């Protein structure tokens, strides 16, 4: 992962330190939250059933903390030969009821082939659970599933199974009230707990950046002023630690591409704009082939026609592209409209409401446009996923 400059210098000591999958040995500034989580999971480990809702804004250490503690309890269960299973579900990638149940079945059964539908997956899960004392299921970014009415039933299916303990993680503190206010996930036999992670403050962001920089960057390739600049900017926005770490990494890559031996303030400022588009593209990479192509269709229509397409125009171009590609389904306008709505919810696209034509003449149709830098999108996504 470390790249050298032509003059023999290098910025990186260990670039993985800045990766989203990097897990530090110690998670700073989260002792209270971690201790509360440990206490709740001790009860689960001893046979109590619980549903734990971990929430807070993006980049507050929720997922990192849960992963860390789940890992410790998993080791403990192995050493003490306790029949427990731990399943981590990334709901941002595993987005449907069927996909979630299939993933859980695969994990607890230890097999790739677990059937061909929701019924099969549930049967395998229920058969396997007889061999286990308890199953802990972590649903990371649960709001991305329950915001869609056709998929939220999976939450109730899991909550109704006596052997399941759920840990839900969400960036939306009131996601249950917002999406499932008409039903309760918790029955009388289950204890319910909520754990809130507050945004990091400027001194905390600076402390974590110093820790990552010391582990990931070579000495004398950055200054405290660079770290303070990023910490202050991020704290004034929303305290998103993931943004701060990603920003420092992008600044390093910007300096590296320019052939510099160290990160300068110009690299920080230049990488700020690029970071948000790269993050959006990274999330888009995990969407279905249908959604990927629909975003490309909206962009292609714009660059070839000079206008933003409405749903009819998106549907027509999509179907003309996919008619000779069996991996894609031909779609009706209603389905396209639903997909476009979801892509707008995820902020990959922007919905442009139609203007009025005059009294008694109604409104122009709603159109759609790309919600990221066009050059970045073309180079990193469109050229890769466009169907010819």
Protein backbone atom coordinates (compact mmCIF):
# COMPACT_ATOMS: atom_id res chain seq x y z
CA UNK A 1 0.00 0.00 0.00
CA UNK A 2 2.97 2.31 0.42
CA UNK A 3 4.09 4.13 -2.71
CA UNK A 4 7.45 5.80 -3.19
CA UNK A 5 8.30 9.09 -4.86
CA UNK A 6 10.85 9.15 -7.64
CA UNK A 7 13.31 10.82 -5.24
CA UNK A 8 13.10 7.86 -2.86
CA UNK A 9 10.92 9.57 -0.25
CA UNK A 10 7.56 8.25 0.93
CA UNK A 11 4.64 9.71 2.85
CA UNK A 12 3.13 6.46 4.07
CA UNK A 13 4.26 4.34 6.97
CA UNK A 14 1.06 2.25 6.86
CA UNK A 15 -1.74 3.54 4.63
CA UNK A 16 -4.19 0.94 5.97
CA UNK A 17 -4.32 3.00 9.17
CA UNK A 18 -6.67 5.32 7.27
CA UNK A 19 -8.88 2.56 5.80
CA UNK A 20 -12.49 2.19 6.99
CA UNK A 21 -11.78 -1.42 8.04
CA UNK A 22 -8.84 -0.43 10.27
CA UNK A 23 -9.52 -1.26 13.92
CA UNK A 24 -7.20 0.38 16.48
CA UNK A 25 -6.28 -1.54 19.63
CA UNK A 26 -7.78 1.24 21.74
CA UNK A 27 -10.80 3.35 20.82
CA UNK A 28 -10.21 6.73 22.48
CA UNK A 29 -12.91 8.95 24.00
CA UNK A 30 -15.52 6.19 24.00
CA UNK A 31 -14.90 4.54 27.39
CA UNK A 32 -18.39 5.27 28.78
CA UNK A 33 -20.20 3.97 25.70
CA UNK A 34 -18.01 0.87 25.45
CA UNK A 35 -18.43 0.04 29.16
CA UNK A 36 -22.22 0.34 28.85
CA UNK A 37 -22.17 -1.93 25.81
CA UNK A 38 -20.00 -4.48 27.62
CA UNK A 39 -22.43 -4.48 30.52
CA UNK A 40 -25.39 -5.12 28.24
CA UNK A 41 -23.63 -7.91 26.36
CA UNK A 42 -22.58 -9.56 29.62
CA UNK A 43 -26.28 -10.04 30.30
CA UNK A 44 -26.77 -11.54 26.85
CA UNK A 45 -23.75 -13.80 27.38
CA UNK A 46 -25.30 -15.05 30.63
CA UNK A 47 -28.59 -15.92 28.95
CA UNK A 48 -30.68 -12.74 29.06
CA UNK A 49 -32.29 -11.62 25.82
CA UNK A 50 -31.92 -8.05 24.65
CA UNK A 51 -32.38 -5.64 21.76
CA UNK A 52 -29.79 -2.86 21.83
CA UNK A 53 -30.15 0.23 19.67
CA UNK A 54 -26.85 2.04 19.09
CA UNK A 55 -27.38 5.39 17.41
CA UNK A 56 -25.75 8.73 16.75
CA UNK A 57 -24.58 10.79 13.81
CA UNK A 58 -22.13 9.54 11.18
CA UNK A 59 -18.51 9.02 12.22
CA UNK A 60 -19.00 8.84 16.00
CA UNK A 61 -17.41 5.41 16.50
CA UNK A 62 -20.60 3.35 16.77
CA UNK A 63 -19.70 0.55 14.36
CA UNK A 64 -16.06 0.49 15.42
CA UNK A 65 -17.01 0.15 19.09
CA UNK A 66 -19.61 -2.56 18.45
CA UNK A 67 -17.18 -4.54 16.26
CA UNK A 68 -14.50 -4.30 18.93
CA UNK A 69 -16.72 -5.56 21.75
CA UNK A 70 -18.39 -8.25 19.65
CA UNK A 71 -14.92 -9.50 18.73
CA UNK A 72 -13.96 -9.76 22.40
CA UNK A 73 -17.13 -11.67 23.32
CA UNK A 74 -16.63 -13.96 20.33
CA UNK A 75 -13.14 -14.86 21.59
CA UNK A 76 -14.52 -15.38 25.10
CA UNK A 77 -17.24 -17.71 23.82
CA UNK A 78 -14.66 -19.73 21.86
CA UNK A 79 -12.34 -20.11 24.86
CA UNK A 80 -15.20 -21.04 27.20
CA UNK A 81 -16.78 -23.31 24.58
CA UNK A 82 -20.10 -21.53 24.72
CA UNK A 83 -22.56 -22.21 21.90
CA UNK A 84 -23.03 -18.66 20.67
CA UNK A 85 -23.04 -17.27 17.15
CA UNK A 86 -22.25 -13.67 16.21
CA UNK A 87 -23.35 -12.29 12.83
CA UNK A 88 -22.50 -8.84 11.50
CA UNK A 89 -24.75 -7.56 8.69
CA UNK A 90 -23.81 -4.50 6.63
CA UNK A 91 -27.28 -3.24 5.72
CA UNK A 92 -25.76 -0.64 3.40
CA UNK A 93 -24.64 -3.53 1.19
CA UNK A 94 -27.03 -6.32 2.18
CA UNK A 95 -30.14 -4.28 1.57
CA UNK A 96 -33.14 -6.62 1.22
CA UNK A 97 -34.98 -8.97 3.56
CA UNK A 98 -33.94 -11.96 1.45
CA UNK A 99 -30.26 -10.92 1.34
CA UNK A 100 -30.14 -10.35 5.10
CA UNK A 101 -31.70 -13.70 5.97
CA UNK A 102 -29.45 -15.47 3.47
CA UNK A 103 -26.35 -13.85 5.00
CA UNK A 104 -27.42 -14.84 8.53
CA UNK A 105 -28.12 -18.42 7.41
CA UNK A 106 -24.73 -18.66 5.68
CA UNK A 107 -22.90 -17.31 8.71
CA UNK A 108 -24.48 -19.49 11.39
CA UNK A 109 -24.55 -22.62 9.20
CA UNK A 110 -21.05 -22.10 7.83
CA UNK A 111 -22.23 -22.92 4.33
CA UNK A 112 -22.51 -20.98 1.08
CA UNK A 113 -25.61 -22.79 -0.23
CA UNK A 114 -28.55 -22.37 2.14
CA UNK A 115 -31.53 -22.50 -0.20
CA UNK A 116 -33.24 -20.33 -2.78
CA UNK A 117 -35.54 -17.97 -0.96
CA UNK A 118 -36.69 -16.43 2.30
CA UNK A 119 -38.55 -19.59 3.36
CA UNK A 120 -35.47 -21.77 2.85
CA UNK A 121 -33.21 -19.33 4.69
CA UNK A 122 -35.55 -19.16 7.68
CA UNK A 123 -35.85 -22.96 7.82
CA UNK A 124 -32.07 -23.34 7.86
CA UNK A 125 -31.76 -20.68 10.58
CA UNK A 126 -34.45 -22.26 12.74
CA UNK A 127 -32.95 -25.71 12.34
CA UNK A 128 -29.46 -24.50 13.22
CA UNK A 129 -30.59 -22.42 16.22
CA UNK A 130 -31.52 -25.62 18.07
CA UNK A 131 -27.78 -26.30 18.38
CA UNK A 132 -27.03 -22.86 19.81
CA UNK A 133 -27.62 -21.19 23.16
CA UNK A 134 -27.80 -17.70 21.72
CA UNK A 135 -27.32 -15.73 18.50
CA UNK A 136 -26.24 -12.08 18.42
CA UNK A 137 -27.05 -10.27 15.19
CA UNK A 138 -25.64 -6.82 14.46
CA UNK A 139 -27.61 -4.84 11.87
CA UNK A 140 -25.34 -1.97 10.87
CA UNK A 141 -27.07 0.98 9.15
CA UNK A 142 -30.47 -0.59 9.83
CA UNK A 143 -32.24 2.60 8.70
CA UNK A 144 -31.18 1.88 5.11
CA UNK A 145 -33.39 -1.23 5.19
CA UNK A 146 -36.39 -0.16 7.24
CA UNK A 147 -36.85 3.08 5.31
CA UNK A 148 -38.24 0.85 2.54
CA UNK A 149 -41.61 -0.55 3.61
CA UNK A 150 -41.24 -3.70 1.52
CA UNK A 151 -38.04 -4.71 3.38
CA UNK A 152 -38.66 -3.67 7.01
CA UNK A 153 -40.51 -6.89 7.89
CA UNK A 154 -37.13 -8.60 8.33
CA UNK A 155 -36.61 -6.62 11.54
CA UNK A 156 -39.78 -8.06 13.06
CA UNK A 157 -38.97 -11.58 11.84
CA UNK A 158 -35.66 -11.44 13.70
CA UNK A 159 -37.10 -9.75 16.80
CA UNK A 160 -39.79 -12.44 17.11
CA UNK A 161 -37.26 -15.29 17.22
CA UNK A 162 -36.59 -16.05 20.95
CA UNK A 163 -32.95 -17.01 20.44
CA UNK A 164 -31.97 -13.82 18.61
CA UNK A 165 -30.40 -10.82 20.31
CA UNK A 166 -30.28 -7.75 18.09
CA UNK A 167 -27.88 -4.83 18.01
CA UNK A 168 -29.12 -2.19 15.60
CA UNK A 169 -26.79 0.62 14.52
CA UNK A 170 -28.13 3.76 12.89
CA UNK A 171 -27.09 7.31 12.05
CA UNK A 172 -30.69 8.43 12.71
CA UNK A 173 -31.49 8.64 16.45
CA UNK A 174 -35.28 8.45 15.95
CA UNK A 175 -35.28 5.88 13.13
CA UNK A 176 -37.85 3.64 14.86
CA UNK A 177 -40.28 6.53 15.32
CA UNK A 178 -39.69 7.66 11.75
CA UNK A 179 -40.02 4.34 9.94
CA UNK A 180 -41.86 1.82 12.16
CA UNK A 181 -43.92 3.95 14.53
CA UNK A 182 -46.97 1.73 13.99
CA UNK A 183 -45.26 -1.40 15.37
CA UNK A 184 -42.97 -2.27 18.26
CA UNK A 185 -39.83 -4.34 17.79
CA UNK A 186 -39.74 -5.22 21.49
CA UNK A 187 -41.97 -7.80 23.17
CA UNK A 188 -42.54 -8.13 26.90
CA UNK A 189 -39.94 -10.89 27.15
CA UNK A 190 -37.12 -8.76 25.76
CA UNK A 191 -35.20 -5.97 27.47
CA UNK A 192 -34.64 -2.93 25.27
CA UNK A 193 -31.74 -0.52 25.55
CA UNK A 194 -30.63 2.58 23.67
CA UNK A 195 -27.06 3.83 23.52
CA UNK A 196 -26.31 7.26 22.05
CA UNK A 197 -22.90 8.21 20.63
CA UNK A 198 -22.36 11.97 20.61
CA UNK A 199 -20.28 13.69 17.87
CA UNK A 200 -16.58 14.12 18.58
CA UNK A 201 -15.40 17.53 19.73
CA UNK A 202 -12.43 19.36 18.25
CA UNK A 203 -9.83 18.23 20.87
CA UNK A 204 -10.99 14.62 20.48
CA UNK A 205 -10.81 14.78 16.68
CA UNK A 206 -7.31 16.23 16.93
CA UNK A 207 -6.25 13.49 19.36
CA UNK A 208 -7.45 10.71 17.07
CA UNK A 209 -5.86 12.35 14.01
CA UNK A 210 -2.52 12.52 15.87
CA UNK A 211 -2.84 8.84 16.74
CA UNK A 212 -3.57 7.85 13.12
CA UNK A 213 -0.86 10.14 11.73
CA UNK A 214 1.76 8.66 14.06
CA UNK A 215 0.88 5.14 12.96
CA UNK A 216 0.18 5.79 9.28
CA UNK A 217 2.43 8.66 8.12
CA UNK A 218 6.19 8.93 8.02
CA UNK A 219 7.83 11.41 10.38
CA UNK A 220 8.15 14.97 9.10
CA UNK A 221 5.48 14.46 6.40
CA UNK A 222 2.85 16.48 8.26
CA UNK A 223 2.58 19.19 10.90
CA UNK A 224 0.34 19.73 13.91
CA UNK A 225 -1.09 22.77 12.11
CA UNK A 226 -2.35 20.51 9.31
CA UNK A 227 -4.07 18.23 11.83
CA UNK A 228 -5.51 21.19 13.76
CA UNK A 229 -6.90 22.68 10.54
CA UNK A 230 -8.75 19.46 9.67
CA UNK A 231 -9.95 18.94 13.26
CA UNK A 232 -11.38 22.46 13.48
CA UNK A 233 -13.15 22.26 10.13
CA UNK A 234 -14.71 18.85 10.86
CA UNK A 235 -15.76 19.85 14.39
CA UNK A 236 -17.51 22.92 13.00
CA UNK A 237 -19.38 20.74 10.50
CA UNK A 238 -20.70 17.74 12.41
CA UNK A 239 -17.83 16.04 14.25
CA UNK A 240 -17.64 13.15 11.77
CA UNK A 241 -14.39 11.34 12.63
CA UNK A 242 -14.60 9.23 9.50
CA UNK A 243 -14.56 12.42 7.44
CA UNK A 244 -11.53 13.72 9.35
CA UNK A 245 -9.51 10.54 8.86
CA UNK A 246 -10.53 10.29 5.20
CA UNK A 247 -9.65 13.93 4.64
CA UNK A 248 -6.14 13.47 6.03
CA UNK A 249 -5.66 10.41 3.82
CA UNK A 250 -6.87 12.28 0.72
CA UNK A 251 -4.52 15.15 1.54
CA UNK A 252 -1.66 12.65 1.68
CA UNK A 253 -2.66 11.16 -1.68
CA UNK A 254 -2.92 14.65 -3.19
CA UNK A 255 0.59 15.50 -1.97
CA UNK A 256 1.88 12.16 -3.22
CA UNK A 257 0.43 12.66 -6.71
CA UNK A 258 2.05 16.10 -6.84
CA UNK A 259 5.42 14.54 -6.00
CA UNK A 260 5.72 16.33 -2.67
CA UNK A 261 7.66 14.86 0.29
CA UNK A 262 5.12 16.21 2.82
CA UNK A 263 1.51 17.33 3.17
CA UNK A 264 0.92 21.06 2.80
CA UNK A 265 -2.17 23.18 3.46
CA UNK A 266 -2.89 23.42 -0.28
CA UNK A 267 -3.18 19.62 -0.39
CA UNK A 268 -5.67 19.71 2.47
CA UNK A 269 -7.84 22.35 0.81
CA UNK A 270 -7.74 20.63 -2.59
CA UNK A 271 -8.63 17.23 -1.16
CA UNK A 272 -11.63 18.56 0.79
CA UNK A 273 -13.84 18.81 -2.30
CA UNK A 274 -12.64 15.50 -3.71
CA UNK A 275 -13.31 13.60 -0.50
CA UNK A 276 -17.07 13.95 -0.55
CA UNK A 277 -17.38 12.78 -4.17
CA UNK A 278 -15.07 9.81 -3.56
CA UNK A 279 -17.14 8.77 -0.55
CA UNK A 280 -20.36 8.97 -2.57
CA UNK A 281 -18.86 6.89 -5.39
CA UNK A 282 -17.59 4.35 -2.87
CA UNK A 283 -21.11 3.85 -1.49
CA UNK A 284 -22.54 3.69 -5.00
CA UNK A 285 -20.17 0.84 -5.83
CA UNK A 286 -22.09 -1.31 -3.33
CA UNK A 287 -25.50 -0.79 -4.96
CA UNK A 288 -27.23 -3.21 -7.34
CA UNK A 289 -26.33 -3.28 -11.05
CA UNK A 290 -29.73 -1.73 -11.79
CA UNK A 291 -29.10 1.30 -9.59
CA UNK A 292 -25.56 1.68 -10.92
CA UNK A 293 -26.78 1.76 -14.50
CA UNK A 294 -29.68 4.12 -13.73
CA UNK A 295 -27.25 6.70 -12.32
CA UNK A 296 -25.12 6.28 -15.44
CA UNK A 297 -28.24 6.72 -17.62
CA UNK A 298 -29.08 10.04 -15.94
CA UNK A 299 -25.53 11.28 -16.49
CA UNK A 300 -25.33 9.97 -20.08
CA UNK A 301 -28.59 11.67 -21.04
CA UNK A 302 -27.27 14.96 -19.70
CA UNK A 303 -23.94 14.85 -21.53
CA UNK A 304 -25.48 13.73 -24.83
CA UNK A 305 -28.75 15.71 -24.85
CA UNK A 306 -27.81 18.73 -22.77
CA UNK A 307 -30.96 18.41 -20.62
CA UNK A 308 -31.80 16.47 -17.48
CA UNK A 309 -34.07 13.45 -18.11
CA UNK A 310 -37.49 12.73 -16.62
CA UNK A 311 -38.51 9.21 -15.55
CA UNK A 312 -39.95 8.37 -18.98
CA UNK A 313 -36.71 9.30 -20.71
CA UNK A 314 -34.64 7.40 -18.12
CA UNK A 315 -36.85 4.32 -18.55
CA UNK A 316 -36.63 4.43 -22.35
CA UNK A 317 -32.85 4.77 -22.46
CA UNK A 318 -32.34 2.13 -19.74
CA UNK A 319 -34.47 -0.45 -21.56
CA UNK A 320 -32.83 0.25 -24.93
CA UNK A 321 -29.44 -0.38 -23.35
CA UNK A 322 -30.34 -3.56 -21.47
CA UNK A 323 -32.49 -5.42 -23.99
CA UNK A 324 -29.49 -7.48 -25.14
CA UNK A 325 -28.06 -8.00 -21.65
CA UNK A 326 -29.72 -10.88 -19.80
CA UNK A 327 -28.39 -9.81 -16.39
CA UNK A 328 -30.71 -6.78 -16.48
CA UNK A 329 -34.52 -6.81 -16.34
CA UNK A 330 -36.68 -4.70 -18.63
CA UNK A 331 -38.45 -2.16 -16.39
CA UNK A 332 -41.71 -0.25 -16.41
CA UNK A 333 -41.89 3.44 -15.56
CA UNK A 334 -43.35 2.73 -12.12
CA UNK A 335 -40.32 0.64 -11.15
CA UNK A 336 -37.93 3.24 -12.55
CA UNK A 337 -39.68 5.93 -10.52
CA UNK A 338 -39.18 3.92 -7.30
CA UNK A 339 -35.50 3.36 -8.06
CA UNK A 340 -34.95 7.03 -8.88
CA UNK A 341 -36.65 8.00 -5.63
CA UNK A 342 -34.30 5.74 -3.66
CA UNK A 343 -31.26 7.11 -5.49
CA UNK A 344 -32.37 10.60 -4.51
CA UNK A 345 -32.84 9.49 -0.90
CA UNK A 346 -29.26 8.23 -0.87
CA UNK A 347 -28.24 11.57 -2.46
CA UNK A 348 -26.67 10.03 -5.57
CA UNK A 349 -29.15 12.02 -7.65
CA UNK A 350 -31.01 15.30 -7.22
CA UNK A 351 -34.72 15.58 -8.01
CA UNK A 352 -35.64 18.77 -9.90
CA UNK A 353 -39.34 19.56 -9.51
CA UNK A 354 -41.10 20.61 -12.71
CA UNK A 355 -42.09 24.25 -13.11
CA UNK A 356 -45.64 25.37 -13.75
CA UNK A 357 -46.61 25.92 -17.41
CA UNK A 358 -49.28 28.46 -16.64
CA UNK A 359 -52.85 28.45 -15.37
CA UNK A 360 -54.68 25.25 -16.22
CA UNK A 361 -51.66 23.74 -18.01
CA UNK A 362 -50.16 21.74 -15.14
CA UNK A 363 -46.47 21.33 -14.41
CA UNK A 364 -43.47 20.12 -16.33
CA UNK A 365 -42.28 16.64 -15.40
CA UNK A 366 -39.79 16.13 -12.58
CA UNK A 367 -36.25 15.57 -13.88
CA UNK A 368 -33.10 14.10 -12.34
CA UNK A 369 -29.45 15.14 -12.24
CA UNK A 370 -26.19 13.76 -10.90
CA UNK A 371 -25.30 14.85 -7.36
CA UNK A 372 -21.49 14.71 -7.61
CA UNK A 373 -18.61 16.11 -9.61
CA UNK A 374 -19.10 15.03 -13.24
CA UNK A 375 -15.41 14.58 -14.02
CA UNK A 376 -14.83 12.40 -10.96
CA UNK A 377 -17.97 10.37 -11.71
CA UNK A 378 -17.03 9.81 -15.35
CA UNK A 379 -13.47 8.70 -14.56
CA UNK A 380 -14.23 6.52 -11.55
CA UNK A 381 -17.71 5.15 -12.22
CA UNK A 382 -19.35 5.87 -15.58
CA UNK A 383 -16.47 4.47 -17.65
CA UNK A 384 -16.60 1.32 -15.56
CA UNK A 385 -20.35 0.60 -15.48
CA UNK A 386 -21.77 2.06 -18.69
CA UNK A 387 -23.43 -0.62 -20.85
CA UNK A 388 -22.87 -0.53 -24.61
